[in-house]
Amino acid sequence: MELARRLRVTPSAVSQHLRVLHATGLVTRARDGRQVLYRRSGLADRLLLRQ
């Protein structure tokens, strides 16, 4: 998992965090072949703009 490698954490840790972020609507996910791509959602963008 690219993100785990970049952050130097375990893939399972990244997976857990992404699962929570997706469940709360802060990221979206889309499958691309064997990969799953995650992106910040519109909700996350709006929350970031409020700061």
N, C-alpha and C. Protein backbone atom coordinates (compact mmCIF):
# COMPACT_ATOMS: atom_id res chain seq x y z
N MET A 1 0.85 -1.17 0.00
CA MET A 1 0.00 0.00 0.00
C MET A 1 0.89 1.23 0.00
N GLU A 2 0.71 2.07 -1.01
CA GLU A 2 1.55 3.25 -1.20
C GLU A 2 1.50 4.21 -0.02
N LEU A 3 0.33 4.47 0.48
CA LEU A 3 0.18 5.41 1.59
C LEU A 3 0.89 4.91 2.84
N ALA A 4 0.77 3.64 3.13
CA ALA A 4 1.44 3.06 4.30
C ALA A 4 2.96 3.20 4.16
N ARG A 5 3.45 2.95 2.98
CA ARG A 5 4.89 3.06 2.74
C ARG A 5 5.35 4.50 2.94
N ARG A 6 4.62 5.43 2.38
CA ARG A 6 4.99 6.85 2.50
C ARG A 6 4.96 7.34 3.94
N LEU A 7 3.96 6.87 4.69
CA LEU A 7 3.81 7.33 6.07
C LEU A 7 4.58 6.47 7.08
N ARG A 8 5.14 5.37 6.57
CA ARG A 8 5.90 4.44 7.42
C ARG A 8 5.06 3.89 8.57
N VAL A 9 3.86 3.46 8.19
CA VAL A 9 2.96 2.77 9.13
C VAL A 9 2.50 1.48 8.47
N THR A 10 1.81 0.66 9.21
CA THR A 10 1.36 -0.61 8.65
C THR A 10 0.17 -0.40 7.72
N PRO A 11 0.04 -1.24 6.71
CA PRO A 11 -1.13 -1.15 5.84
C PRO A 11 -2.44 -1.29 6.60
N SER A 12 -2.46 -2.12 7.63
CA SER A 12 -3.71 -2.29 8.40
C SER A 12 -4.07 -1.00 9.13
N ALA A 13 -3.09 -0.25 9.60
CA ALA A 13 -3.38 1.03 10.27
C ALA A 13 -4.00 2.01 9.28
N VAL A 14 -3.44 2.09 8.08
CA VAL A 14 -3.99 2.97 7.06
C VAL A 14 -5.41 2.54 6.71
N SER A 15 -5.61 1.25 6.55
CA SER A 15 -6.93 0.70 6.22
C SER A 15 -7.97 1.08 7.26
N GLN A 16 -7.61 0.96 8.51
CA GLN A 16 -8.54 1.29 9.59
C GLN A 16 -8.93 2.77 9.54
N HIS A 17 -7.95 3.63 9.36
CA HIS A 17 -8.22 5.06 9.30
C HIS A 17 -9.07 5.42 8.09
N LEU A 18 -8.75 4.84 6.94
CA LEU A 18 -9.53 5.13 5.74
C LEU A 18 -10.96 4.61 5.87
N ARG A 19 -11.13 3.49 6.53
CA ARG A 19 -12.48 2.94 6.74
C ARG A 19 -13.33 3.91 7.57
N VAL A 20 -12.73 4.48 8.62
CA VAL A 20 -13.45 5.44 9.46
C VAL A 20 -13.74 6.72 8.68
N LEU A 21 -12.75 7.23 7.95
CA LEU A 21 -12.94 8.44 7.16
C LEU A 21 -14.03 8.24 6.11
N HIS A 22 -14.09 7.07 5.51
CA HIS A 22 -15.13 6.78 4.52
C HIS A 22 -16.49 6.67 5.19
N ALA A 23 -16.55 6.02 6.33
CA ALA A 23 -17.82 5.84 7.04
C ALA A 23 -18.41 7.19 7.48
N THR A 24 -17.56 8.16 7.75
CA THR A 24 -18.03 9.48 8.18
C THR A 24 -18.24 10.43 7.01
N GLY A 25 -17.95 9.97 5.79
CA GLY A 25 -18.18 10.80 4.61
C GLY A 25 -17.07 11.77 4.29
N LEU A 26 -15.92 11.61 4.92
CA LEU A 26 -14.82 12.55 4.69
C LEU A 26 -13.94 12.17 3.50
N VAL A 27 -14.02 10.93 3.07
CA VAL A 27 -13.32 10.51 1.86
C VAL A 27 -14.26 9.67 1.01
N THR A 28 -14.01 9.68 -0.29
CA THR A 28 -14.73 8.80 -1.20
C THR A 28 -13.74 7.76 -1.69
N ARG A 29 -14.26 6.67 -2.21
CA ARG A 29 -13.35 5.65 -2.73
C ARG A 29 -13.87 5.12 -4.06
N ALA A 30 -12.93 4.74 -4.90
CA ALA A 30 -13.26 4.19 -6.21
C ALA A 30 -12.22 3.14 -6.56
N ARG A 31 -12.68 2.05 -7.11
CA ARG A 31 -11.78 0.98 -7.50
C ARG A 31 -11.19 1.29 -8.87
N ASP A 32 -9.90 1.04 -9.01
CA ASP A 32 -9.19 1.19 -10.28
C ASP A 32 -8.36 -0.08 -10.47
N GLY A 33 -8.97 -1.07 -11.11
CA GLY A 33 -8.28 -2.36 -11.24
C GLY A 33 -8.17 -3.01 -9.87
N ARG A 34 -6.96 -3.29 -9.48
CA ARG A 34 -6.73 -3.91 -8.17
C ARG A 34 -6.53 -2.90 -7.06
N GLN A 35 -6.50 -1.63 -7.41
CA GLN A 35 -6.29 -0.58 -6.42
C GLN A 35 -7.61 0.07 -6.03
N VAL A 36 -7.62 0.61 -4.82
CA VAL A 36 -8.75 1.43 -4.38
C VAL A 36 -8.19 2.82 -4.17
N LEU A 37 -8.80 3.80 -4.85
CA LEU A 37 -8.34 5.18 -4.77
C LEU A 37 -9.25 5.96 -3.83
N TYR A 38 -8.65 6.68 -2.92
CA TYR A 38 -9.39 7.49 -1.96
C TYR A 38 -9.15 8.96 -2.25
N ARG A 39 -10.21 9.75 -2.11
CA ARG A 39 -10.12 11.20 -2.30
C ARG A 39 -10.90 11.89 -1.21
N ARG A 40 -10.44 13.08 -0.89
CA ARG A 40 -11.17 13.90 0.07
C ARG A 40 -12.53 14.23 -0.53
N SER A 41 -13.57 14.16 0.27
CA SER A 41 -14.93 14.40 -0.22
C SER A 41 -15.26 15.89 -0.21
N GLY A 42 -16.39 16.21 -0.82
CA GLY A 42 -16.88 17.58 -0.78
C GLY A 42 -17.14 18.05 0.65
N LEU A 43 -17.65 17.15 1.47
CA LEU A 43 -17.88 17.48 2.88
C LEU A 43 -16.56 17.86 3.55
N ALA A 44 -15.52 17.09 3.33
CA ALA A 44 -14.22 17.39 3.93
C ALA A 44 -13.71 18.74 3.44
N ASP A 45 -13.89 19.02 2.14
CA ASP A 45 -13.48 20.32 1.59
C ASP A 45 -14.21 21.46 2.30
N ARG A 46 -15.51 21.31 2.47
CA ARG A 46 -16.29 22.37 3.12
C ARG A 46 -15.86 22.56 4.57
N LEU A 47 -15.58 21.47 5.27
CA LEU A 47 -15.14 21.58 6.66
C LEU A 47 -13.78 22.27 6.75
N LEU A 48 -12.90 21.99 5.80
CA LEU A 48 -11.59 22.62 5.81
C LEU A 48 -11.69 24.11 5.51
N LEU A 49 -12.62 24.50 4.67
CA LEU A 49 -12.78 25.92 4.35
C LEU A 49 -13.32 26.73 5.52
N ARG A 50 -13.98 26.06 6.45
CA ARG A 50 -14.59 26.75 7.60
C ARG A 50 -13.56 27.15 8.64
N GLN A 51 -12.35 26.64 8.54
CA GLN A 51 -11.34 26.92 9.59
C GLN A 51 -10.85 28.33 9.54
